N, C-alpha and C. Protein backbone atom coordinates (compact mmCIF):
# COMPACT_ATOMS: atom_id res chain seq x y z
N MET A 1 -25.56 -8.79 1.02
CA MET A 1 -24.55 -9.59 0.36
C MET A 1 -25.25 -10.46 -0.67
N SER A 2 -24.69 -10.49 -1.85
CA SER A 2 -25.24 -11.33 -2.90
C SER A 2 -24.55 -12.69 -2.88
N GLY A 3 -24.81 -13.52 -3.90
CA GLY A 3 -24.15 -14.81 -4.00
C GLY A 3 -22.70 -14.63 -4.40
N ALA A 4 -22.05 -15.75 -4.68
CA ALA A 4 -20.64 -15.71 -5.07
C ALA A 4 -20.45 -14.86 -6.32
N VAL A 5 -19.31 -14.20 -6.36
CA VAL A 5 -18.95 -13.34 -7.50
C VAL A 5 -17.66 -13.91 -8.09
N ILE A 6 -17.68 -14.15 -9.40
CA ILE A 6 -16.50 -14.68 -10.08
C ILE A 6 -15.98 -13.63 -11.05
N ARG A 7 -14.69 -13.37 -10.97
CA ARG A 7 -14.03 -12.41 -11.84
C ARG A 7 -12.78 -13.06 -12.42
N THR A 8 -12.43 -12.68 -13.63
CA THR A 8 -11.17 -13.13 -14.20
C THR A 8 -10.27 -11.91 -14.37
N ILE A 9 -8.99 -12.19 -14.30
CA ILE A 9 -8.00 -11.12 -14.47
C ILE A 9 -6.82 -11.70 -15.24
N GLU A 10 -6.33 -10.93 -16.19
CA GLU A 10 -5.18 -11.36 -16.97
C GLU A 10 -3.93 -10.71 -16.41
N ILE A 11 -2.94 -11.55 -16.15
CA ILE A 11 -1.65 -11.07 -15.62
C ILE A 11 -0.55 -11.71 -16.45
N ASN A 12 0.20 -10.89 -17.15
CA ASN A 12 1.30 -11.37 -18.01
C ASN A 12 0.88 -12.50 -18.94
N GLY A 13 -0.27 -12.34 -19.58
CA GLY A 13 -0.72 -13.30 -20.58
C GLY A 13 -1.45 -14.52 -20.03
N ALA A 14 -1.50 -14.69 -18.73
CA ALA A 14 -2.22 -15.81 -18.13
C ALA A 14 -3.51 -15.28 -17.51
N THR A 15 -4.58 -16.07 -17.61
CA THR A 15 -5.86 -15.67 -17.05
C THR A 15 -6.09 -16.39 -15.73
N TYR A 16 -6.44 -15.63 -14.71
CA TYR A 16 -6.70 -16.17 -13.38
C TYR A 16 -8.17 -15.91 -13.04
N THR A 17 -8.78 -16.90 -12.39
CA THR A 17 -10.17 -16.79 -11.97
C THR A 17 -10.21 -16.60 -10.46
N SER A 18 -10.87 -15.54 -10.04
CA SER A 18 -11.05 -15.26 -8.62
C SER A 18 -12.52 -15.44 -8.28
N LYS A 19 -12.77 -16.16 -7.20
CA LYS A 19 -14.14 -16.37 -6.74
C LYS A 19 -14.28 -15.75 -5.36
N PHE A 20 -15.20 -14.81 -5.25
CA PHE A 20 -15.46 -14.14 -3.98
C PHE A 20 -16.74 -14.72 -3.41
N SER A 21 -16.60 -15.42 -2.28
CA SER A 21 -17.71 -16.16 -1.70
C SER A 21 -17.49 -16.29 -0.20
N PHE A 22 -18.42 -16.98 0.46
CA PHE A 22 -18.25 -17.23 1.88
C PHE A 22 -16.97 -18.02 2.13
N MET A 23 -16.67 -18.99 1.25
CA MET A 23 -15.45 -19.78 1.39
C MET A 23 -14.21 -18.87 1.32
N THR A 24 -14.24 -17.91 0.42
CA THR A 24 -13.13 -16.95 0.31
C THR A 24 -12.93 -16.21 1.63
N MET A 25 -14.02 -15.72 2.18
CA MET A 25 -13.94 -14.98 3.44
C MET A 25 -13.41 -15.89 4.56
N ARG A 26 -13.88 -17.14 4.60
CA ARG A 26 -13.44 -18.07 5.63
C ARG A 26 -11.96 -18.38 5.51
N LEU A 27 -11.50 -18.67 4.29
CA LEU A 27 -10.07 -18.96 4.09
C LEU A 27 -9.20 -17.77 4.50
N ALA A 28 -9.59 -16.60 4.08
CA ALA A 28 -8.83 -15.40 4.44
C ALA A 28 -8.84 -15.19 5.95
N ASP A 29 -9.98 -15.41 6.55
CA ASP A 29 -10.12 -15.25 8.00
C ASP A 29 -9.19 -16.20 8.75
N GLU A 30 -9.04 -17.42 8.22
CA GLU A 30 -8.20 -18.42 8.87
C GLU A 30 -6.71 -18.08 8.83
N VAL A 31 -6.25 -17.40 7.79
CA VAL A 31 -4.81 -17.14 7.67
C VAL A 31 -4.37 -15.82 8.28
N LEU A 32 -5.30 -14.97 8.63
CA LEU A 32 -4.94 -13.68 9.22
C LEU A 32 -4.95 -13.76 10.75
N PRO A 33 -3.89 -13.29 11.39
CA PRO A 33 -3.92 -13.23 12.86
C PRO A 33 -5.09 -12.33 13.29
N GLY A 34 -5.97 -12.87 14.09
CA GLY A 34 -7.13 -12.09 14.52
C GLY A 34 -8.26 -12.11 13.52
N GLY A 35 -8.09 -12.81 12.40
CA GLY A 35 -9.15 -12.90 11.40
C GLY A 35 -9.33 -11.63 10.60
N LEU A 36 -10.34 -11.62 9.75
CA LEU A 36 -10.61 -10.45 8.90
C LEU A 36 -10.99 -9.23 9.72
N GLU A 37 -11.57 -9.44 10.88
CA GLU A 37 -11.98 -8.32 11.72
C GLU A 37 -10.88 -7.90 12.70
N GLY A 38 -9.75 -8.61 12.69
CA GLY A 38 -8.65 -8.32 13.61
C GLY A 38 -7.86 -7.08 13.21
N GLU A 39 -6.70 -6.97 13.78
CA GLU A 39 -5.87 -5.78 13.57
C GLU A 39 -4.90 -5.91 12.40
N SER A 40 -5.04 -6.94 11.59
CA SER A 40 -4.15 -7.09 10.44
C SER A 40 -4.31 -5.88 9.53
N GLY A 41 -3.19 -5.41 9.01
CA GLY A 41 -3.22 -4.22 8.16
C GLY A 41 -3.92 -4.45 6.84
N GLY A 42 -4.20 -3.36 6.15
CA GLY A 42 -4.93 -3.42 4.88
C GLY A 42 -4.23 -4.27 3.83
N VAL A 43 -2.91 -4.20 3.77
CA VAL A 43 -2.17 -4.97 2.76
C VAL A 43 -2.27 -6.46 3.07
N SER A 44 -2.13 -6.84 4.33
CA SER A 44 -2.27 -8.26 4.71
C SER A 44 -3.67 -8.76 4.41
N ARG A 45 -4.66 -7.94 4.68
CA ARG A 45 -6.05 -8.33 4.43
C ARG A 45 -6.28 -8.52 2.93
N LEU A 46 -5.80 -7.58 2.11
CA LEU A 46 -5.95 -7.70 0.66
C LEU A 46 -5.21 -8.92 0.12
N SER A 47 -4.01 -9.15 0.63
CA SER A 47 -3.23 -10.31 0.22
C SER A 47 -3.98 -11.60 0.52
N ALA A 48 -4.52 -11.71 1.73
CA ALA A 48 -5.23 -12.92 2.13
C ALA A 48 -6.51 -13.11 1.31
N LEU A 49 -7.23 -12.03 1.06
CA LEU A 49 -8.46 -12.13 0.27
C LEU A 49 -8.18 -12.54 -1.18
N PHE A 50 -7.14 -11.97 -1.78
CA PHE A 50 -6.81 -12.33 -3.15
C PHE A 50 -6.37 -13.78 -3.23
N TRP A 51 -5.47 -14.18 -2.34
CA TRP A 51 -5.03 -15.58 -2.30
C TRP A 51 -6.22 -16.51 -2.15
N ALA A 52 -7.10 -16.21 -1.20
CA ALA A 52 -8.26 -17.07 -0.95
C ALA A 52 -9.19 -17.12 -2.16
N SER A 53 -9.33 -15.99 -2.87
CA SER A 53 -10.22 -15.95 -4.03
C SER A 53 -9.71 -16.83 -5.18
N LEU A 54 -8.42 -17.09 -5.20
CA LEU A 54 -7.83 -17.91 -6.27
C LEU A 54 -7.92 -19.40 -6.00
N GLN A 55 -8.15 -19.79 -4.76
CA GLN A 55 -8.00 -21.19 -4.37
C GLN A 55 -8.98 -22.16 -5.04
N SER A 56 -10.16 -21.71 -5.44
CA SER A 56 -11.10 -22.65 -6.06
C SER A 56 -10.65 -23.10 -7.45
N LYS A 57 -9.82 -22.31 -8.12
CA LYS A 57 -9.33 -22.66 -9.47
C LYS A 57 -7.83 -22.82 -9.55
N HIS A 58 -7.10 -22.14 -8.69
CA HIS A 58 -5.63 -22.11 -8.77
C HIS A 58 -5.07 -22.38 -7.38
N ARG A 59 -4.57 -23.55 -7.16
CA ARG A 59 -4.00 -23.90 -5.86
C ARG A 59 -2.57 -23.38 -5.79
N ILE A 60 -2.45 -22.08 -5.51
CA ILE A 60 -1.12 -21.47 -5.43
C ILE A 60 -0.89 -20.98 -4.01
N SER A 61 0.37 -20.77 -3.69
CA SER A 61 0.73 -20.29 -2.36
C SER A 61 0.40 -18.81 -2.22
N ARG A 62 0.38 -18.37 -1.01
CA ARG A 62 0.14 -16.95 -0.76
C ARG A 62 1.28 -16.11 -1.33
N ASP A 63 2.51 -16.59 -1.23
CA ASP A 63 3.64 -15.87 -1.83
C ASP A 63 3.47 -15.75 -3.34
N ALA A 64 3.01 -16.83 -3.98
CA ALA A 64 2.80 -16.79 -5.43
C ALA A 64 1.70 -15.79 -5.79
N SER A 65 0.63 -15.73 -4.99
CA SER A 65 -0.43 -14.76 -5.29
C SER A 65 0.07 -13.34 -5.06
N ASP A 66 0.92 -13.14 -4.05
CA ASP A 66 1.52 -11.81 -3.84
C ASP A 66 2.40 -11.42 -5.02
N ASN A 67 3.12 -12.39 -5.60
CA ASN A 67 3.94 -12.11 -6.78
C ASN A 67 3.07 -11.69 -7.96
N LEU A 68 1.88 -12.29 -8.08
CA LEU A 68 0.95 -11.89 -9.15
C LEU A 68 0.54 -10.43 -8.97
N VAL A 69 0.35 -10.01 -7.73
CA VAL A 69 0.00 -8.61 -7.46
C VAL A 69 1.12 -7.70 -7.94
N ASP A 70 2.36 -8.07 -7.66
CA ASP A 70 3.49 -7.27 -8.12
C ASP A 70 3.54 -7.20 -9.65
N GLU A 71 3.24 -8.32 -10.31
CA GLU A 71 3.25 -8.34 -11.77
C GLU A 71 2.13 -7.47 -12.35
N LEU A 72 0.98 -7.47 -11.68
CA LEU A 72 -0.16 -6.69 -12.15
C LEU A 72 0.02 -5.20 -11.90
N GLY A 73 0.57 -4.86 -10.75
CA GLY A 73 0.70 -3.47 -10.34
C GLY A 73 -0.34 -3.15 -9.28
N LEU A 74 0.06 -2.38 -8.30
CA LEU A 74 -0.78 -2.12 -7.14
C LEU A 74 -2.07 -1.38 -7.48
N ASP A 75 -2.00 -0.39 -8.35
CA ASP A 75 -3.21 0.36 -8.70
C ASP A 75 -4.25 -0.52 -9.39
N ALA A 76 -3.82 -1.32 -10.35
CA ALA A 76 -4.73 -2.22 -11.05
C ALA A 76 -5.28 -3.28 -10.10
N PHE A 77 -4.43 -3.76 -9.19
CA PHE A 77 -4.86 -4.75 -8.21
C PHE A 77 -5.93 -4.17 -7.29
N ARG A 78 -5.68 -3.00 -6.77
CA ARG A 78 -6.67 -2.38 -5.87
C ARG A 78 -8.00 -2.15 -6.57
N ALA A 79 -7.97 -1.71 -7.82
CA ALA A 79 -9.21 -1.49 -8.57
C ALA A 79 -9.95 -2.81 -8.77
N PHE A 80 -9.21 -3.87 -9.10
CA PHE A 80 -9.81 -5.19 -9.27
C PHE A 80 -10.48 -5.67 -7.98
N MET A 81 -9.76 -5.58 -6.87
CA MET A 81 -10.29 -6.04 -5.59
C MET A 81 -11.48 -5.20 -5.14
N GLU A 82 -11.38 -3.91 -5.32
CA GLU A 82 -12.47 -3.02 -4.90
C GLU A 82 -13.76 -3.36 -5.66
N GLU A 83 -13.64 -3.54 -6.97
CA GLU A 83 -14.83 -3.86 -7.78
C GLU A 83 -15.41 -5.21 -7.39
N ALA A 84 -14.55 -6.21 -7.23
CA ALA A 84 -15.02 -7.56 -6.91
C ALA A 84 -15.66 -7.62 -5.52
N MET A 85 -15.04 -6.98 -4.54
CA MET A 85 -15.58 -7.00 -3.18
C MET A 85 -16.88 -6.21 -3.10
N THR A 86 -16.99 -5.12 -3.83
CA THR A 86 -18.24 -4.36 -3.84
C THR A 86 -19.34 -5.18 -4.48
N ALA A 87 -19.02 -5.90 -5.54
CA ALA A 87 -20.00 -6.76 -6.19
C ALA A 87 -20.46 -7.87 -5.24
N TYR A 88 -19.54 -8.39 -4.42
CA TYR A 88 -19.89 -9.46 -3.50
C TYR A 88 -20.65 -8.95 -2.27
N LYS A 89 -20.11 -7.92 -1.65
CA LYS A 89 -20.69 -7.44 -0.40
C LYS A 89 -21.77 -6.39 -0.59
N GLY A 90 -21.80 -5.75 -1.74
CA GLY A 90 -22.74 -4.66 -1.97
C GLY A 90 -22.08 -3.35 -1.60
N PRO A 91 -22.64 -2.24 -2.07
CA PRO A 91 -22.03 -0.94 -1.77
C PRO A 91 -22.14 -0.63 -0.28
N ALA A 92 -21.15 0.09 0.21
CA ALA A 92 -21.16 0.50 1.61
C ALA A 92 -22.30 1.48 1.85
N VAL A 93 -22.90 1.38 3.01
CA VAL A 93 -23.98 2.29 3.40
C VAL A 93 -23.49 3.07 4.60
N SER A 94 -23.58 4.38 4.52
CA SER A 94 -23.15 5.20 5.65
C SER A 94 -24.14 5.03 6.79
N ALA A 95 -23.73 5.38 7.99
CA ALA A 95 -24.61 5.29 9.15
C ALA A 95 -25.86 6.12 8.95
N ASP A 96 -25.72 7.29 8.34
CA ASP A 96 -26.88 8.15 8.11
C ASP A 96 -27.85 7.50 7.13
N GLU A 97 -27.33 6.90 6.05
CA GLU A 97 -28.19 6.25 5.06
C GLU A 97 -28.89 5.03 5.66
N GLY A 98 -28.18 4.29 6.47
CA GLY A 98 -28.73 3.08 7.06
C GLY A 98 -29.84 3.37 8.05
N ASN A 99 -29.83 4.55 8.66
CA ASN A 99 -30.84 4.90 9.66
C ASN A 99 -31.89 5.86 9.13
N ALA A 100 -31.82 6.18 7.86
CA ALA A 100 -32.77 7.14 7.29
C ALA A 100 -34.18 6.58 7.31
N LYS A 101 -35.13 7.46 7.64
CA LYS A 101 -36.54 7.07 7.61
C LYS A 101 -37.06 7.27 6.21
N PRO A 102 -37.90 6.34 5.72
CA PRO A 102 -38.44 6.52 4.38
C PRO A 102 -39.31 7.76 4.30
N GLU A 103 -39.21 8.44 3.16
CA GLU A 103 -40.04 9.63 2.98
C GLU A 103 -41.48 9.20 2.75
N LYS A 104 -42.41 10.08 3.18
CA LYS A 104 -43.81 9.81 2.95
C LYS A 104 -44.11 9.99 1.48
N ASP A 105 -45.02 9.19 0.96
CA ASP A 105 -45.44 9.29 -0.43
C ASP A 105 -46.25 10.56 -0.59
N LYS A 106 -45.70 11.52 -1.32
CA LYS A 106 -46.35 12.83 -1.47
C LYS A 106 -47.36 12.83 -2.60
N THR A 107 -47.51 11.71 -3.30
CA THR A 107 -48.47 11.67 -4.40
C THR A 107 -49.87 11.32 -3.92
N LYS A 108 -49.98 10.79 -2.69
CA LYS A 108 -51.28 10.43 -2.15
C LYS A 108 -51.95 11.67 -1.57
N ALA A 109 -53.25 11.70 -1.69
CA ALA A 109 -54.03 12.82 -1.12
C ALA A 109 -54.08 12.67 0.37
N SER A 110 -54.05 13.80 1.07
CA SER A 110 -54.08 13.75 2.54
C SER A 110 -55.50 13.62 3.03
């Protein structure tokens, strides 16, 4: 995980700043039943994360942030969130990649 990631997005002529950070994760975790790791569905999780990412610059309600998603469109919203979360958390590593043994340096003489 890297440091905080800040992204801006324009929705209907207004620019919104989203900050993806530990605070964002904590705020989202607090509003979801069972937290981010709980059984809340993908849409609820995305809604909470987007709302939380706006709070450092835009003190808006969760309903208002959901309305922004509707104005932006679901495909554009998902692309925005996917890019921002990947930038914050880093690319996903499969179980096989995470457990791979490093290859021996074949340039050294035996």
